[in-house]
Every structure is written in structure tokens, then in C-alpha cells.
């Protein structure tokens, strides 16, 4: 057991056999694995709902190992792309903020669309 990265309290507990960094690592791996399985099930449910109930939605697929797991698709009619993420509160707050801005002035929506289109065409957008 390499105790160099443990705090002194953790090191003394580990030496008494009360705490094992290997056991802690296995616990965190187990929890991470369980969480990943839950995320995959949630994404799978979203994919099946989109495929079964949303007409014109094509290219539906999940990306469970992304930084923010998501389901991606597009609409056949106008090629509008859709990303659905899980547990991404920041994106939700950003959406609410943009909605408030557009409620204040109708030109905000056009401005945001123009900036987004320009950013994508110049490859400076965070999304692909």
C-alpha cells in the first residue's frame, strides 16, 4: 500500500487496518459502474421513446461516455439537430436565461441564432 498520497490521519487508519485505500477505490469504482449503468438505461429509454413516438426524428443514438451523457438526433424535415443531456443543470439555467432575454426583446433570438451560425461556420463553437 503506497501511503505517500494519503493524509497522515488516513495513513494511520490504514496502518490499523480500519481503512484501506484499495477498498475505497473499489467502492468508488463500484458506485461509478452502477451510476454508468443507470445512465445507460435512462439514455436507452430516451432513444426508444424518440424512435417510437417522434415522427421525423432520424439518426437517434446515445453517447453515454461523453462528459455529459446525451442522446443525439436530427429532424428529417429541416435537419434541426437535437441533443438531450442528462443532469446538466448549467445548460438548463443557460436556456432559461436566453428565454428571459428573448422575452425582453424579440431581436435576441435572431441575434443568438446568427452568432451560433457564425460560430459553427468558423469552427469556434463548443458543439459540433
C-alpha atoms as a PDB file:
ATOM      1  CA  UNK A   1       0.000   0.000   0.000  1.00  0.00           C
ATOM      2  CA  UNK A   2       1.509   3.335  -1.060  1.00  0.00           C
ATOM      3  CA  UNK A   3       0.727   5.772   1.742  1.00  0.00           C
ATOM      4  CA  UNK A   4       2.568   8.732   0.245  1.00  0.00           C
ATOM      5  CA  UNK A   5      -0.645  10.197  -1.160  1.00  0.00           C
ATOM      6  CA  UNK A   6      -2.706   9.646   1.973  1.00  0.00           C
ATOM      7  CA  UNK A   7      -3.113  12.279   4.646  1.00  0.00           C
ATOM      8  CA  UNK A   8      -1.463  11.441   7.947  1.00  0.00           C
ATOM      9  CA  UNK A   9      -4.828  10.558   9.513  1.00  0.00           C
ATOM     10  CA  UNK A  10      -5.712   8.276   6.617  1.00  0.00           C
ATOM     11  CA  UNK A  11      -2.265   6.678   6.768  1.00  0.00           C
ATOM     12  CA  UNK A  12      -2.570   5.871  10.455  1.00  0.00           C
ATOM     13  CA  UNK A  13      -6.069   4.457   9.973  1.00  0.00           C
ATOM     14  CA  UNK A  14      -4.838   2.368   7.056  1.00  0.00           C
ATOM     15  CA  UNK A  15      -1.983   1.023   9.140  1.00  0.00           C
ATOM     16  CA  UNK A  16      -4.502  -0.066  11.816  1.00  0.00           C
ATOM     17  CA  UNK A  17      -6.490  -1.898   9.167  1.00  0.00           C
ATOM     18  CA  UNK A  18      -9.573   0.278   9.574  1.00  0.00           C
ATOM     19  CA  UNK A  19      -9.282   1.958   6.166  1.00  0.00           C
ATOM     20  CA  UNK A  20      -7.847   0.522   3.002  1.00  0.00           C
ATOM     21  CA  UNK A  21      -7.321   2.833   0.066  1.00  0.00           C
ATOM     22  CA  UNK A  22      -7.729  -0.246  -2.169  1.00  0.00           C
ATOM     23  CA  UNK A  23     -11.161  -0.915  -0.637  1.00  0.00           C
ATOM     24  CA  UNK A  24     -12.124   2.738  -1.047  1.00  0.00           C
ATOM     25  CA  UNK A  25     -11.037   2.632  -4.687  1.00  0.00           C
ATOM     26  CA  UNK A  26     -13.110  -0.493  -5.300  1.00  0.00           C
ATOM     27  CA  UNK A  27     -16.123   1.159  -3.652  1.00  0.00           C
ATOM     28  CA  UNK A  28     -15.825   4.253  -5.854  1.00  0.00           C
ATOM     29  CA  UNK A  29     -15.375   2.083  -8.965  1.00  0.00           C
ATOM     30  CA  UNK A  30     -18.465   0.087  -7.989  1.00  0.00           C
ATOM     31  CA  UNK A  31     -20.521   3.248  -7.456  1.00  0.00           C
ATOM     32  CA  UNK A  32     -19.234   4.690 -10.735  1.00  0.00           C
ATOM     33  CA  UNK A  33     -20.134   1.495 -12.560  1.00  0.00           C
ATOM     34  CA  UNK A  34     -23.625   1.445 -11.043  1.00  0.00           C
ATOM     35  CA  UNK A  35     -24.167   5.094 -11.993  1.00  0.00           C
ATOM     36  CA  UNK A  36     -22.990   4.388 -15.547  1.00  0.00           C
ATOM     37  CA  UNK A  37     -25.494   1.516 -15.815  1.00  0.00           C
ATOM     38  CA  UNK A  38     -28.307   3.816 -14.644  1.00  0.00           C
ATOM     39  CA  UNK A  39     -27.267   6.480 -17.179  1.00  0.00           C
ATOM     40  CA  UNK A  40     -27.201   3.903 -19.982  1.00  0.00           C
ATOM     41  CA  UNK A  41     -30.719   2.727 -19.059  1.00  0.00           C
ATOM     42  CA  UNK A  42     -32.005   6.309 -18.989  1.00  0.00           C
ATOM     43  CA  UNK A  43     -30.420   7.080 -22.361  1.00  0.00           C
ATOM     44  CA  UNK A  44     -31.804   3.856 -23.814  1.00  0.00           C
ATOM     45  CA  UNK A  45     -35.302   4.825 -22.677  1.00  0.00           C
ATOM     46  CA  UNK A  46     -34.989   8.271 -24.287  1.00  0.00           C
ATOM     47  CA  UNK A  47     -33.737   6.704 -27.536  1.00  0.00           C
ATOM     48  CA  UNK A  48     -36.644   4.268 -27.677  1.00  0.00           C
ATOM     49  CA  UNK A  49     -39.225   6.993 -26.937  1.00  0.00           C
ATOM     50  CA  UNK A  50     -37.808   9.243 -29.666  1.00  0.00           C
ATOM     51  CA  UNK A  51     -37.718   6.413 -32.191  1.00  0.00           C
ATOM     52  CA  UNK A  52     -41.225   5.207 -31.374  1.00  0.00           C
ATOM     53  CA  UNK A  53     -43.161   8.429 -30.779  1.00  0.00           C
ATOM     54  CA  UNK A  54     -41.420  11.336 -32.510  1.00  0.00           C
ATOM     55  CA  UNK A  55     -42.128  11.379 -36.214  1.00  0.00           C
ATOM     56  CA  UNK A  56     -39.361  12.624 -38.468  1.00  0.00           C
ATOM     57  CA  UNK A  57     -36.671  12.126 -35.837  1.00  0.00           C
ATOM     58  CA  UNK A  58     -33.737  10.327 -37.504  1.00  0.00           C
ATOM     59  CA  UNK A  59     -30.230   9.301 -36.570  1.00  0.00           C
ATOM     60  CA  UNK A  60     -31.220   8.750 -32.940  1.00  0.00           C
ATOM     61  CA  UNK A  61     -28.287   7.474 -30.887  1.00  0.00           C
ATOM     62  CA  UNK A  62     -26.894   7.784 -27.386  1.00  0.00           C
ATOM     63  CA  UNK A  63     -23.418   8.840 -26.320  1.00  0.00           C
ATOM     64  CA  UNK A  64     -23.167   7.523 -22.747  1.00  0.00           C
ATOM     65  CA  UNK A  65     -19.440   8.151 -22.215  1.00  0.00           C
ATOM     66  CA  UNK A  66     -19.465  11.833 -23.152  1.00  0.00           C
ATOM     67  CA  UNK A  67     -18.552  14.349 -20.457  1.00  0.00           C
ATOM     68  CA  UNK A  68     -22.296  14.964 -20.270  1.00  0.00           C
ATOM     69  CA  UNK A  69     -24.066  11.778 -21.444  1.00  0.00           C
ATOM     70  CA  UNK A  70     -26.533  12.569 -24.200  1.00  0.00           C
ATOM     71  CA  UNK A  71     -28.920  11.409 -26.886  1.00  0.00           C
ATOM     72  CA  UNK A  72     -28.399  12.996 -30.280  1.00  0.00           C
ATOM     73  CA  UNK A  73     -30.737  13.092 -33.263  1.00  0.00           C
ATOM     74  CA  UNK A  74     -31.999  15.377 -36.001  1.00  0.00           C
ATOM     75  CA  UNK A  75     -35.311  16.080 -37.641  1.00  0.00           C
ATOM     76  CA  UNK A  76     -35.650  14.947 -41.245  1.00  0.00           C
ATOM     77  CA  UNK A  77     -37.897  17.838 -42.255  1.00  0.00           C
ATOM     78  CA  UNK A  78     -35.466  20.707 -41.666  1.00  0.00           C
ATOM     79  CA  UNK A  79     -32.263  18.973 -40.421  1.00  0.00           C
ATOM     80  CA  UNK A  80     -32.604  20.607 -37.000  1.00  0.00           C
ATOM     81  CA  UNK A  81     -30.273  18.829 -34.587  1.00  0.00           C
ATOM     82  CA  UNK A  82     -31.307  17.927 -31.071  1.00  0.00           C
ATOM     83  CA  UNK A  83     -29.109  16.973 -28.130  1.00  0.00           C
ATOM     84  CA  UNK A  84     -30.728  15.751 -24.915  1.00  0.00           C
ATOM     85  CA  UNK A  85     -28.372  15.658 -21.948  1.00  0.00           C
ATOM     86  CA  UNK A  86     -28.827  14.162 -18.506  1.00  0.00           C
ATOM     87  CA  UNK A  87     -28.247  16.040 -15.263  1.00  0.00           C
ATOM     88  CA  UNK A  88     -26.885  19.148 -16.940  1.00  0.00           C
ATOM     89  CA  UNK A  89     -28.225  21.927 -14.752  1.00  0.00           C
ATOM     90  CA  UNK A  90     -25.937  24.582 -16.213  1.00  0.00           C
ATOM     91  CA  UNK A  91     -27.414  24.060 -19.682  1.00  0.00           C
ATOM     92  CA  UNK A  92     -30.886  24.317 -18.196  1.00  0.00           C
ATOM     93  CA  UNK A  93     -30.051  27.595 -16.487  1.00  0.00           C
ATOM     94  CA  UNK A  94     -28.465  28.950 -19.679  1.00  0.00           C
ATOM     95  CA  UNK A  95     -31.619  28.052 -21.606  1.00  0.00           C
ATOM     96  CA  UNK A  96     -33.771  29.831 -19.026  1.00  0.00           C
ATOM     97  CA  UNK A  97     -31.528  32.887 -19.211  1.00  0.00           C
ATOM     98  CA  UNK A  98     -31.750  33.019 -23.015  1.00  0.00           C
ATOM     99  CA  UNK A  99     -35.528  32.650 -22.769  1.00  0.00           C
ATOM    100  CA  UNK A 100     -35.675  35.623 -20.377  1.00  0.00           C
ATOM    101  CA  UNK A 101     -33.525  37.684 -22.755  1.00  0.00           C
ATOM    102  CA  UNK A 102     -35.709  36.799 -25.738  1.00  0.00           C
ATOM    103  CA  UNK A 103     -38.842  37.660 -23.739  1.00  0.00           C
ATOM    104  CA  UNK A 104     -37.397  41.129 -23.172  1.00  0.00           C
ATOM    105  CA  UNK A 105     -36.628  41.772 -26.834  1.00  0.00           C
ATOM    106  CA  UNK A 106     -37.627  39.657 -29.838  1.00  0.00           C
ATOM    107  CA  UNK A 107     -34.380  40.534 -31.633  1.00  0.00           C
ATOM    108  CA  UNK A 108     -32.373  38.498 -29.106  1.00  0.00           C
ATOM    109  CA  UNK A 109     -33.492  35.212 -30.651  1.00  0.00           C
ATOM    110  CA  UNK A 110     -32.332  36.254 -34.117  1.00  0.00           C
ATOM    111  CA  UNK A 111     -29.068  37.592 -32.686  1.00  0.00           C
ATOM    112  CA  UNK A 112     -28.377  34.345 -30.812  1.00  0.00           C
ATOM    113  CA  UNK A 113     -29.134  32.283 -33.910  1.00  0.00           C
ATOM    114  CA  UNK A 114     -26.855  34.486 -36.030  1.00  0.00           C
ATOM    115  CA  UNK A 115     -23.969  34.211 -33.550  1.00  0.00           C
ATOM    116  CA  UNK A 116     -24.405  30.460 -33.253  1.00  0.00           C
ATOM    117  CA  UNK A 117     -24.434  30.015 -37.042  1.00  0.00           C
ATOM    118  CA  UNK A 118     -21.337  32.211 -37.420  1.00  0.00           C
ATOM    119  CA  UNK A 119     -19.505  30.323 -34.643  1.00  0.00           C
ATOM    120  CA  UNK A 120     -20.250  26.945 -36.218  1.00  0.00           C
ATOM    121  CA  UNK A 121     -19.181  28.095 -39.676  1.00  0.00           C
ATOM    122  CA  UNK A 122     -15.868  29.332 -38.221  1.00  0.00           C
ATOM    123  CA  UNK A 123     -15.362  26.217 -36.050  1.00  0.00           C
ATOM    124  CA  UNK A 124     -15.294  28.177 -32.799  1.00  0.00           C
ATOM    125  CA  UNK A 125     -18.432  26.606 -31.364  1.00  0.00           C
ATOM    126  CA  UNK A 126     -18.275  24.148 -28.473  1.00  0.00           C
ATOM    127  CA  UNK A 127     -20.805  21.897 -30.196  1.00  0.00           C
ATOM    128  CA  UNK A 128     -20.265  20.028 -33.415  1.00  0.00           C
END
